[in-house]
Amino acid sequence: MRTIPVLAAQFSAIGTSCRILVTSRFTATRAGEIALHDVERLDDVASRFRSDSEIRRLANNGLPQRVSPLLGDVVEAALRAAVLTDGLVDPTIGAAMEAFGYDDDLDVVRARGDRPVSGPPARSTWRSIRYDAALHLLAVPPGGVLDFGASAKALLADRIAASIHDETGSGVLVDLGGDIATAGAPPAGGWRIGVEGPSGKVVQTVLGSGQAFATSSTALRTWTSAGVQRHHIIDPRTGSPAEVVWRQVTVAGRTALEANSASTAAVVLGSAAPSWLAARGLPALLIGADGSRRHTPGWPEEGAA
């Protein structure tokens, strides 16, 4: 008998859309409850846009502060992303984002209209963060603003998928704004995953059988400051939005965290991205600023695979 995935939950949260699919309709309600609970917990601890979030209540003075185990996990994931990408993905770029005007939910930022760029923020790198996992002690450099946009959502997708499968035994696919993680047995033939281009139209369908996928784009989270359209992927080497060589990069990886780290790094790398991804054995689809497409070894050339 063919297994048909069931939509367990669909909602908007953490600035994006969230969809949960399961292979057993009897587990759908519980799967949705787990997903919503975990998303709300992450927002409570890691949101850069909520004044009451745990990360925003920290005193970033360079002194160790005790944090919750969940925030500690988020910090460790961000540092893991930095290690995987040799610092091309760096959680200390929050101050740079704020300098260019991305200091609130995107709808709020856009509603303000054009604004001047503030002065250059204090520069720091991920190596300046100190975290003791045993004691849950975190030290952030003075003036540092942490942003977990390239890691927390992906980490959450991985954790939700694992939690739902562990509790219910069902196969599950979690899609948090393009960060896709799966756990358990897939439906017959695999998970059909539509890769949407910047316009929202599906440009290719691939079949997933356990790998994770993540997409990073310079075309969706955009706003205007100082008369220039900006996007949210900061190049840590310059402290400015990355040059737009790619409108979008989608990467397949072992986990959503690893896939998202790679897709973000690829945007930052620009023209060097295809060789960087290929050297790491990461299948990817890259859509250029002119709409052209390239892929790295392992990614299907067209249609479903």
C-alpha atoms as a PDB file:
ATOM      1  CA  MET A   1       0.000   0.000   0.000  1.00  0.00           C
ATOM      2  CA  ARG A   2       1.389   3.411  -0.958  1.00  0.00           C
ATOM      3  CA  THR A   3       2.083   5.759   1.951  1.00  0.00           C
ATOM      4  CA  ILE A   4       0.749   9.262   1.340  1.00  0.00           C
ATOM      5  CA  PRO A   5       2.174  12.031   3.536  1.00  0.00           C
ATOM      6  CA  VAL A   6      -0.304  13.911   5.716  1.00  0.00           C
ATOM      7  CA  LEU A   7      -0.054  17.617   6.538  1.00  0.00           C
ATOM      8  CA  ALA A   8       0.215  17.679  10.338  1.00  0.00           C
ATOM      9  CA  ALA A   9       0.612  21.432  10.828  1.00  0.00           C
ATOM     10  CA  GLN A  10       1.072  24.648   8.913  1.00  0.00           C
ATOM     11  CA  PHE A  11       1.579  28.001  10.611  1.00  0.00           C
ATOM     12  CA  SER A  12       3.600  31.197  10.525  1.00  0.00           C
ATOM     13  CA  ALA A  13       6.200  31.840  13.214  1.00  0.00           C
ATOM     14  CA  ILE A  14       9.773  33.118  13.714  1.00  0.00           C
ATOM     15  CA  GLY A  15       9.348  35.282  10.627  1.00  0.00           C
ATOM     16  CA  THR A  16       8.663  32.426   8.252  1.00  0.00           C
ATOM     17  CA  SER A  17       6.255  29.642   7.261  1.00  0.00           C
ATOM     18  CA  CYS A  18       6.335  26.269   8.998  1.00  0.00           C
ATOM     19  CA  ARG A  19       5.015  22.990   7.541  1.00  0.00           C
ATOM     20  CA  ILE A  20       5.076  19.525   9.099  1.00  0.00           C
ATOM     21  CA  LEU A  21       4.303  16.354   7.118  1.00  0.00           C
ATOM     22  CA  VAL A  22       4.023  12.848   8.573  1.00  0.00           C
ATOM     23  CA  THR A  23       3.573   9.416   7.050  1.00  0.00           C
ATOM     24  CA  SER A  24       1.049   8.295   9.691  1.00  0.00           C
ATOM     25  CA  ARG A  25      -2.170  10.282   9.927  1.00  0.00           C
ATOM     26  CA  PHE A  26      -2.694   8.975  13.471  1.00  0.00           C
ATOM     27  CA  THR A  27       0.309  10.985  14.650  1.00  0.00           C
ATOM     28  CA  ALA A  28      -0.557  14.253  12.911  1.00  0.00           C
ATOM     29  CA  THR A  29      -2.091  16.042  15.892  1.00  0.00           C
ATOM     30  CA  ARG A  30       0.782  15.222  18.217  1.00  0.00           C
ATOM     31  CA  ALA A  31       3.345  16.120  15.565  1.00  0.00           C
ATOM     32  CA  GLY A  32       1.791  19.544  15.185  1.00  0.00           C
ATOM     33  CA  GLU A  33       1.829  20.089  18.952  1.00  0.00           C
ATOM     34  CA  ILE A  34       5.514  19.186  19.209  1.00  0.00           C
ATOM     35  CA  ALA A  35       6.435  21.497  16.343  1.00  0.00           C
ATOM     36  CA  LEU A  36       4.523  24.497  17.660  1.00  0.00           C
ATOM     37  CA  HIS A  37       5.913  24.052  21.171  1.00  0.00           C
ATOM     38  CA  ASP A  38       9.514  23.824  19.970  1.00  0.00           C
ATOM     39  CA  VAL A  39       9.167  26.829  17.656  1.00  0.00           C
ATOM     40  CA  GLU A  40       7.751  28.959  20.476  1.00  0.00           C
ATOM     41  CA  ARG A  41      10.568  27.924  22.815  1.00  0.00           C
ATOM     42  CA  LEU A  42      13.209  28.888  20.271  1.00  0.00           C
ATOM     43  CA  ASP A  43      11.605  32.290  19.731  1.00  0.00           C
ATOM     44  CA  ASP A  44      11.597  32.861  23.499  1.00  0.00           C
ATOM     45  CA  VAL A  45      15.343  32.352  23.809  1.00  0.00           C
ATOM     46  CA  ALA A  46      16.941  33.325  20.484  1.00  0.00           C
ATOM     47  CA  SER A  47      14.912  36.069  18.757  1.00  0.00           C
ATOM     48  CA  ARG A  48      16.947  39.175  17.928  1.00  0.00           C
ATOM     49  CA  PHE A  49      13.727  41.142  17.466  1.00  0.00           C
ATOM     50  CA  ARG A  50      12.039  40.525  20.817  1.00  0.00           C
ATOM     51  CA  SER A  51      13.138  42.718  23.702  1.00  0.00           C
ATOM     52  CA  ASP A  52      12.025  40.014  26.143  1.00  0.00           C
ATOM     53  CA  SER A  53      13.959  37.160  24.520  1.00  0.00           C
ATOM     54  CA  GLU A  54      16.774  35.596  26.488  1.00  0.00           C
ATOM     55  CA  ILE A  55      19.458  36.599  23.989  1.00  0.00           C
ATOM     56  CA  ARG A  56      18.349  40.248  24.039  1.00  0.00           C
ATOM     57  CA  ARG A  57      18.337  40.357  27.833  1.00  0.00           C
ATOM     58  CA  LEU A  58      21.984  39.352  28.069  1.00  0.00           C
ATOM     59  CA  ALA A  59      24.497  41.991  29.068  1.00  0.00           C
ATOM     60  CA  ASN A  60      27.041  41.804  26.277  1.00  0.00           C
ATOM     61  CA  ASN A  61      29.985  43.041  28.314  1.00  0.00           C
ATOM     62  CA  GLY A  62      32.424  40.209  27.800  1.00  0.00           C
ATOM     63  CA  LEU A  63      31.679  38.621  31.177  1.00  0.00           C
ATOM     64  CA  PRO A  64      30.351  35.044  31.484  1.00  0.00           C
ATOM     65  CA  GLN A  65      26.601  34.770  32.089  1.00  0.00           C
ATOM     66  CA  ARG A  66      24.545  31.698  32.789  1.00  0.00           C
ATOM     67  CA  VAL A  67      22.108  30.844  29.981  1.00  0.00           C
ATOM     68  CA  SER A  68      19.431  28.226  29.486  1.00  0.00           C
ATOM     69  CA  PRO A  69      20.444  24.853  28.033  1.00  0.00           C
ATOM     70  CA  LEU A  70      18.377  25.636  24.924  1.00  0.00           C
ATOM     71  CA  LEU A  71      20.141  28.926  24.254  1.00  0.00           C
ATOM     72  CA  GLY A  72      23.398  27.106  24.877  1.00  0.00           C
ATOM     73  CA  ASP A  73      22.458  24.586  22.181  1.00  0.00           C
ATOM     74  CA  VAL A  74      21.684  27.456  19.791  1.00  0.00           C
ATOM     75  CA  VAL A  75      25.058  29.051  20.484  1.00  0.00           C
ATOM     76  CA  GLU A  76      26.864  25.743  19.967  1.00  0.00           C
ATOM     77  CA  ALA A  77      25.048  25.261  16.645  1.00  0.00           C
ATOM     78  CA  ALA A  78      26.092  28.744  15.522  1.00  0.00           C
ATOM     79  CA  LEU A  79      29.706  28.041  16.433  1.00  0.00           C
ATOM     80  CA  ARG A  80      29.473  24.701  14.619  1.00  0.00           C
ATOM     81  CA  ALA A  81      28.291  26.545  11.488  1.00  0.00           C
ATOM     82  CA  ALA A  82      31.255  28.905  11.790  1.00  0.00           C
ATOM     83  CA  VAL A  83      33.694  26.008  12.065  1.00  0.00           C
ATOM     84  CA  LEU A  84      32.145  24.183   9.097  1.00  0.00           C
ATOM     85  CA  THR A  85      32.493  27.283   6.899  1.00  0.00           C
ATOM     86  CA  ASP A  86      35.813  28.638   8.182  1.00  0.00           C
ATOM     87  CA  GLY A  87      34.000  31.700   9.501  1.00  0.00           C
ATOM     88  CA  LEU A  88      32.001  32.512   6.367  1.00  0.00           C
ATOM     89  CA  VAL A  89      28.939  32.041   8.557  1.00  0.00           C
ATOM     90  CA  ASP A  90      29.450  34.085  11.711  1.00  0.00           C
ATOM     91  CA  PRO A  91      26.865  34.733  14.467  1.00  0.00           C
ATOM     92  CA  THR A  92      28.490  38.045  15.453  1.00  0.00           C
ATOM     93  CA  ILE A  93      27.172  39.815  12.321  1.00  0.00           C
ATOM     94  CA  GLY A  94      24.078  40.998  14.211  1.00  0.00           C
ATOM     95  CA  ALA A  95      25.572  44.451  14.779  1.00  0.00           C
ATOM     96  CA  ALA A  96      26.260  44.806  11.052  1.00  0.00           C
ATOM     97  CA  MET A  97      22.666  43.855  10.245  1.00  0.00           C
ATOM     98  CA  GLU A  98      21.403  46.503  12.633  1.00  0.00           C
ATOM     99  CA  ALA A  99      23.747  49.108  11.135  1.00  0.00           C
ATOM    100  CA  PHE A 100      22.154  48.486   7.733  1.00  0.00           C
ATOM    101  CA  GLY A 101      18.653  48.768   9.212  1.00  0.00           C
ATOM    102  CA  TYR A 102      17.609  45.156   9.813  1.00  0.00           C
ATOM    103  CA  ASP A 103      16.865  45.605  13.507  1.00  0.00           C
ATOM    104  CA  ASP A 104      13.252  44.406  13.684  1.00  0.00           C
ATOM    105  CA  ASP A 105      10.786  42.089  11.961  1.00  0.00           C
ATOM    106  CA  LEU A 106      11.123  42.551   8.217  1.00  0.00           C
ATOM    107  CA  ASP A 107       7.604  43.956   7.776  1.00  0.00           C
ATOM    108  CA  VAL A 108       8.398  46.643  10.334  1.00  0.00           C
ATOM    109  CA  VAL A 109      11.721  47.453   8.682  1.00  0.00           C
ATOM    110  CA  ARG A 110      10.107  47.787   5.255  1.00  0.00           C
ATOM    111  CA  ALA A 111       7.272  49.939   6.612  1.00  0.00           C
ATOM    112  CA  ARG A 112       9.813  52.508   7.827  1.00  0.00           C
ATOM    113  CA  GLY A 113      10.954  53.131   4.270  1.00  0.00           C
ATOM    114  CA  ASP A 114      14.417  54.316   3.339  1.00  0.00           C
ATOM    115  CA  ARG A 115      16.701  55.050   6.289  1.00  0.00           C
ATOM    116  CA  PRO A 116      20.335  56.123   6.558  1.00  0.00           C
ATOM    117  CA  VAL A 117      22.994  53.568   7.382  1.00  0.00           C
ATOM    118  CA  SER A 118      24.355  54.025  10.895  1.00  0.00           C
ATOM    119  CA  GLY A 119      28.068  54.151  11.600  1.00  0.00           C
ATOM    120  CA  PRO A 120      30.152  50.977  11.288  1.00  0.00           C
ATOM    121  CA  PRO A 121      29.581  48.638  14.235  1.00  0.00           C
ATOM    122  CA  ALA A 122      32.314  47.286  16.457  1.00  0.00           C
ATOM    123  CA  ARG A 123      33.856  44.358  14.597  1.00  0.00           C
ATOM    124  CA  SER A 124      34.173  40.975  16.257  1.00  0.00           C
ATOM    125  CA  THR A 125      34.228  37.383  15.085  1.00  0.00           C
ATOM    126  CA  TRP A 126      32.853  34.070  16.222  1.00  0.00           C
ATOM    127  CA  ARG A 127      36.205  33.278  17.818  1.00  0.00           C
ATOM    128  CA  SER A 128      35.518  36.007  20.394  1.00  0.00           C
ATOM    129  CA  ILE A 129      32.494  34.105  21.772  1.00  0.00           C
ATOM    130  CA  ARG A 130      33.162  31.980  24.829  1.00  0.00           C
ATOM    131  CA  TYR A 131      30.733  29.247  25.825  1.00  0.00           C
ATOM    132  CA  ASP A 132      31.156  26.635  28.558  1.00  0.00           C
ATOM    133  CA  ALA A 133      28.673  23.867  27.743  1.00  0.00           C
ATOM    134  CA  ALA A 134      29.134  22.108  31.103  1.00  0.00           C
ATOM    135  CA  LEU A 135      28.249  25.221  33.122  1.00  0.00           C
ATOM    136  CA  HIS A 136      26.048  26.927  30.481  1.00  0.00           C
ATOM    137  CA  LEU A 137      28.159  30.082  30.712  1.00  0.00           C
ATOM    138  CA  LEU A 138      28.219  32.415  27.715  1.00  0.00           C
ATOM    139  CA  ALA A 139      30.469  35.450  27.212  1.00  0.00           C
ATOM    140  CA  VAL A 140      29.734  37.817  24.321  1.00  0.00           C
ATOM    141  CA  PRO A 141      32.246  40.561  23.436  1.00  0.00           C
ATOM    142  CA  PRO A 142      31.316  44.115  24.487  1.00  0.00           C
ATOM    143  CA  GLY A 143      28.823  45.629  22.074  1.00  0.00           C
ATOM    144  CA  GLY A 144      28.387  42.311  20.276  1.00  0.00           C
ATOM    145  CA  VAL A 145      24.996  41.442  18.815  1.00  0.00           C
ATOM    146  CA  LEU A 146      24.446  37.779  18.038  1.00  0.00           C
ATOM    147  CA  ASP A 147      22.309  36.732  15.095  1.00  0.00           C
ATOM    148  CA  PHE A 148      21.415  33.069  14.632  1.00  0.00           C
ATOM    149  CA  GLY A 149      19.642  33.390  11.290  1.00  0.00           C
ATOM    150  CA  ALA A 150      21.987  30.971   9.523  1.00  0.00           C
ATOM    151  CA  SER A 151      21.812  28.263  12.159  1.00  0.00           C
ATOM    152  CA  ALA A 152      18.944  28.380  14.699  1.00  0.00           C
ATOM    153  CA  LYS A 153      16.097  27.698  12.278  1.00  0.00           C
ATOM    154  CA  ALA A 154      18.012  24.813  10.711  1.00  0.00           C
ATOM    155  CA  LEU A 155      18.895  23.398  14.122  1.00  0.00           C
ATOM    156  CA  LEU A 156      15.219  23.640  15.056  1.00  0.00           C
ATOM    157  CA  ALA A 157      14.140  21.766  11.911  1.00  0.00           C
ATOM    158  CA  ASP A 158      16.550  18.937  12.755  1.00  0.00           C
ATOM    159  CA  ARG A 159      15.368  18.786  16.367  1.00  0.00           C
ATOM    160  CA  ILE A 160      11.653  18.877  15.579  1.00  0.00           C
ATOM    161  CA  ALA A 161      11.996  16.088  13.013  1.00  0.00           C
ATOM    162  CA  ALA A 162      13.926  13.941  15.487  1.00  0.00           C
ATOM    163  CA  SER A 163      11.509  14.661  18.353  1.00  0.00           C
ATOM    164  CA  ILE A 164       8.417  13.790  16.336  1.00  0.00           C
ATOM    165  CA  HIS A 165       9.912  10.557  15.063  1.00  0.00           C
ATOM    166  CA  ASP A 166      11.255   9.554  18.471  1.00  0.00           C
ATOM    167  CA  GLU A 167       7.873  10.081  20.140  1.00  0.00           C
ATOM    168  CA  THR A 168       5.513   8.815  17.446  1.00  0.00           C
ATOM    169  CA  GLY A 169       7.601   6.498  15.265  1.00  0.00           C
ATOM    170  CA  SER A 170       6.213   8.186  12.168  1.00  0.00           C
ATOM    171  CA  GLY A 171       8.245   9.323   9.223  1.00  0.00           C
ATOM    172  CA  VAL A 172       8.335  13.114   9.234  1.00  0.00           C
ATOM    173  CA  LEU A 173       9.393  16.059   7.110  1.00  0.00           C
ATOM    174  CA  VAL A 174       9.845  19.496   8.685  1.00  0.00           C
ATOM    175  CA  ASP A 175      10.045  22.591   6.488  1.00  0.00           C
ATOM    176  CA  LEU A 176      10.882  25.807   8.323  1.00  0.00           C
ATOM    177  CA  GLY A 177      11.130  28.487   5.670  1.00  0.00           C
ATOM    178  CA  GLY A 178      13.205  26.363   3.321  1.00  0.00           C
ATOM    179  CA  ASP A 179      15.226  24.546   5.962  1.00  0.00           C
ATOM    180  CA  ILE A 180      14.061  20.952   5.483  1.00  0.00           C
ATOM    181  CA  ALA A 181      14.831  18.051   7.799  1.00  0.00           C
ATOM    182  CA  THR A 182      13.442  14.519   7.811  1.00  0.00           C
ATOM    183  CA  ALA A 183      13.452  11.576  10.203  1.00  0.00           C
ATOM    184  CA  GLY A 184      12.171   8.029  10.054  1.00  0.00           C
ATOM    185  CA  ALA A 185      11.134   6.068   6.994  1.00  0.00           C
ATOM    186  CA  PRO A 186      10.140   8.252   4.014  1.00  0.00           C
ATOM    187  CA  PRO A 187       6.965   7.626   2.004  1.00  0.00           C
ATOM    188  CA  ALA A 188       7.196   5.209  -0.914  1.00  0.00           C
ATOM    189  CA  GLY A 189       9.527   6.709  -3.502  1.00  0.00           C
ATOM    190  CA  GLY A 190      10.855   9.331  -1.101  1.00  0.00           C
ATOM    191  CA  TRP A 191       9.826  12.825  -0.089  1.00  0.00           C
ATOM    192  CA  ARG A 192       8.916  14.965  -3.106  1.00  0.00           C
ATOM    193  CA  ILE A 193      10.533  18.316  -2.453  1.00  0.00           C
ATOM    194  CA  GLY A 194       9.804  21.278  -4.685  1.00  0.00           C
ATOM    195  CA  VAL A 195      12.672  23.772  -4.854  1.00  0.00           C
ATOM    196  CA  GLU A 196      11.074  27.195  -5.192  1.00  0.00           C
ATOM    197  CA  GLY A 197      12.898  29.950  -7.018  1.00  0.00           C
ATOM    198  CA  PRO A 198      12.979  33.571  -5.815  1.00  0.00           C
ATOM    199  CA  SER A 199       9.601  34.212  -7.487  1.00  0.00           C
ATOM    200  CA  GLY A 200       7.953  31.436  -5.473  1.00  0.00           C
ATOM    201  CA  LYS A 201       7.560  29.178  -8.510  1.00  0.00           C
ATOM    202  CA  VAL A 202       8.886  25.610  -8.218  1.00  0.00           C
ATOM    203  CA  VAL A 203      11.916  25.379 -10.503  1.00  0.00           C
ATOM    204  CA  GLN A 204      12.752  21.749  -9.808  1.00  0.00           C
ATOM    205  CA  THR A 205      11.440  18.771  -7.865  1.00  0.00           C
ATOM    206  CA  VAL A 206      13.832  16.383  -6.164  1.00  0.00           C
ATOM    207  CA  LEU A 207      13.218  13.238  -4.159  1.00  0.00           C
ATOM    208  CA  GLY A 208      14.598  13.098  -0.639  1.00  0.00           C
ATOM    209  CA  SER A 209      15.310   9.825   1.124  1.00  0.00           C
ATOM    210  CA  GLY A 210      16.869  11.012   4.358  1.00  0.00           C
ATOM    211  CA  GLN A 211      19.048  13.981   3.465  1.00  0.00           C
ATOM    212  CA  ALA A 212      18.278  17.538   4.542  1.00  0.00           C
ATOM    213  CA  PHE A 213      17.926  20.582   2.299  1.00  0.00           C
ATOM    214  CA  ALA A 214      18.375  24.293   2.879  1.00  0.00           C
ATOM    215  CA  THR A 215      17.970  27.374   0.726  1.00  0.00           C
ATOM    216  CA  SER A 216      19.604  30.773   1.188  1.00  0.00           C
ATOM    217  CA  SER A 217      18.437  33.718  -0.894  1.00  0.00           C
ATOM    218  CA  THR A 218      19.431  37.328  -1.505  1.00  0.00           C
ATOM    219  CA  ALA A 219      16.083  38.100  -3.140  1.00  0.00           C
ATOM    220  CA  LEU A 220      13.499  37.607  -0.386  1.00  0.00           C
ATOM    221  CA  ARG A 221      14.590  39.315   2.840  1.00  0.00           C
ATOM    222  CA  THR A 222      15.319  42.718   1.352  1.00  0.00           C
ATOM    223  CA  TRP A 223      14.799  46.322   2.411  1.00  0.00           C
ATOM    224  CA  THR A 224      16.149  49.762   1.503  1.00  0.00           C
ATOM    225  CA  SER A 225      18.647  51.885   3.415  1.00  0.00           C
ATOM    226  CA  ALA A 226      20.622  54.887   2.157  1.00  0.00           C
ATOM    227  CA  GLY A 227      18.846  54.491  -1.186  1.00  0.00           C
ATOM    228  CA  VAL A 228      20.218  50.981  -1.769  1.00  0.00           C
ATOM    229  CA  GLN A 229      18.380  47.653  -1.653  1.00  0.00           C
ATOM    230  CA  ARG A 230      19.962  45.476   1.024  1.00  0.00           C
ATOM    231  CA  HIS A 231      19.648  41.792   1.840  1.00  0.00           C
ATOM    232  CA  HIS A 232      20.204  39.877   5.056  1.00  0.00           C
ATOM    233  CA  ILE A 233      23.250  37.735   4.250  1.00  0.00           C
ATOM    234  CA  ILE A 234      26.255  39.566   5.632  1.00  0.00           C
ATOM    235  CA  ASP A 235      29.794  38.829   4.471  1.00  0.00           C
ATOM    236  CA  PRO A 236      31.744  38.673   7.759  1.00  0.00           C
ATOM    237  CA  ARG A 237      34.908  39.615   5.906  1.00  0.00           C
ATOM    238  CA  THR A 238      33.512  43.039   4.974  1.00  0.00           C
ATOM    239  CA  GLY A 239      30.663  43.621   7.438  1.00  0.00           C
ATOM    240  CA  SER A 240      28.322  44.400   4.511  1.00  0.00           C
ATOM    241  CA  PRO A 241      25.669  42.448   2.609  1.00  0.00           C
ATOM    242  CA  ALA A 242      27.342  39.912   0.319  1.00  0.00           C
ATOM    243  CA  GLU A 243      27.734  40.759  -3.348  1.00  0.00           C
ATOM    244  CA  VAL A 244      24.737  39.392  -5.250  1.00  0.00           C
ATOM    245  CA  VAL A 245      26.280  36.764  -7.511  1.00  0.00           C
ATOM    246  CA  TRP A 246      23.591  34.219  -6.607  1.00  0.00           C
ATOM    247  CA  ARG A 247      19.937  35.037  -6.072  1.00  0.00           C
ATOM    248  CA  GLN A 248      19.528  31.674  -4.391  1.00  0.00           C
ATOM    249  CA  VAL A 249      21.513  28.600  -3.379  1.00  0.00           C
ATOM    250  CA  THR A 250      19.942  25.279  -2.329  1.00  0.00           C
ATOM    251  CA  VAL A 251      22.164  22.615  -0.770  1.00  0.00           C
ATOM    252  CA  ALA A 252      21.558  18.994   0.221  1.00  0.00           C
ATOM    253  CA  GLY A 253      23.357  17.862   3.360  1.00  0.00           C
ATOM    254  CA  ARG A 254      23.404  15.382   6.182  1.00  0.00           C
ATOM    255  CA  THR A 255      21.489  17.752   8.472  1.00  0.00           C
ATOM    256  CA  ALA A 256      19.596  20.975   7.936  1.00  0.00           C
ATOM    257  CA  LEU A 257      22.200  22.781  10.034  1.00  0.00           C
ATOM    258  CA  GLU A 258      25.012  21.618   7.757  1.00  0.00           C
ATOM    259  CA  ALA A 259      23.001  22.315   4.599  1.00  0.00           C
ATOM    260  CA  ASN A 260      22.073  25.830   5.718  1.00  0.00           C
ATOM    261  CA  SER A 261      25.615  26.614   6.793  1.00  0.00           C
ATOM    262  CA  ALA A 262      26.800  25.634   3.319  1.00  0.00           C
ATOM    263  CA  SER A 263      24.073  27.495   1.406  1.00  0.00           C
ATOM    264  CA  THR A 264      24.759  30.687   3.364  1.00  0.00           C
ATOM    265  CA  ALA A 265      28.512  30.347   2.866  1.00  0.00           C
ATOM    266  CA  ALA A 266      27.945  29.826  -0.856  1.00  0.00           C
ATOM    267  CA  VAL A 267      26.103  33.146  -1.134  1.00  0.00           C
ATOM    268  CA  VAL A 268      28.967  34.867   0.669  1.00  0.00           C
ATOM    269  CA  LEU A 269      31.584  33.201  -1.549  1.00  0.00           C
ATOM    270  CA  GLY A 270      29.953  34.337  -4.779  1.00  0.00           C
ATOM    271  CA  SER A 271      31.704  33.027  -7.892  1.00  0.00           C
ATOM    272  CA  ALA A 272      33.899  30.720  -5.793  1.00  0.00           C
ATOM    273  CA  ALA A 273      30.876  28.869  -4.395  1.00  0.00           C
ATOM    274  CA  PRO A 274      30.544  26.018  -6.937  1.00  0.00           C
ATOM    275  CA  SER A 275      34.120  24.810  -6.466  1.00  0.00           C
ATOM    276  CA  TRP A 276      33.860  25.217  -2.662  1.00  0.00           C
ATOM    277  CA  LEU A 277      30.680  23.123  -2.542  1.00  0.00           C
ATOM    278  CA  ALA A 278      32.040  20.490  -4.934  1.00  0.00           C
ATOM    279  CA  ALA A 279      35.236  20.116  -2.906  1.00  0.00           C
ATOM    280  CA  ARG A 280      33.090  19.275   0.117  1.00  0.00           C
ATOM    281  CA  GLY A 281      30.899  16.804  -1.759  1.00  0.00           C
ATOM    282  CA  LEU A 282      27.771  18.937  -1.308  1.00  0.00           C
ATOM    283  CA  PRO A 283      25.129  18.672  -4.068  1.00  0.00           C
ATOM    284  CA  ALA A 284      23.673  22.113  -4.763  1.00  0.00           C
ATOM    285  CA  LEU A 285      21.556  24.137  -7.163  1.00  0.00           C
ATOM    286  CA  LEU A 286      22.702  27.736  -7.645  1.00  0.00           C
ATOM    287  CA  ILE A 287      20.536  30.354  -9.349  1.00  0.00           C
ATOM    288  CA  GLY A 288      22.494  33.360 -10.555  1.00  0.00           C
ATOM    289  CA  ALA A 289      21.534  37.011 -10.427  1.00  0.00           C
ATOM    290  CA  ASP A 290      20.690  36.722 -14.137  1.00  0.00           C
ATOM    291  CA  GLY A 291      18.462  33.664 -13.592  1.00  0.00           C
ATOM    292  CA  SER A 292      20.983  31.156 -14.929  1.00  0.00           C
ATOM    293  CA  ARG A 293      21.355  27.836 -13.112  1.00  0.00           C
ATOM    294  CA  ARG A 294      24.375  25.814 -12.097  1.00  0.00           C
ATOM    295  CA  HIS A 295      24.632  22.659 -10.058  1.00  0.00           C
ATOM    296  CA  THR A 296      27.401  20.764  -8.327  1.00  0.00           C
ATOM    297  CA  PRO A 297      28.044  17.015  -8.634  1.00  0.00           C
ATOM    298  CA  GLY A 298      25.306  14.901  -7.109  1.00  0.00           C
ATOM    299  CA  TRP A 299      22.494  17.339  -7.816  1.00  0.00           C
ATOM    300  CA  PRO A 300      20.048  16.109 -10.497  1.00  0.00           C
ATOM    301  CA  GLU A 301      20.325  18.123 -13.686  1.00  0.00           C
ATOM    302  CA  GLU A 302      16.579  18.417 -14.233  1.00  0.00           C
ATOM    303  CA  GLY A 303      13.273  16.947 -13.148  1.00  0.00           C
ATOM    304  CA  ALA A 304      12.925  14.597 -10.210  1.00  0.00           C
ATOM    305  CA  ALA A 305      15.711  12.324  -9.050  1.00  0.00           C
END
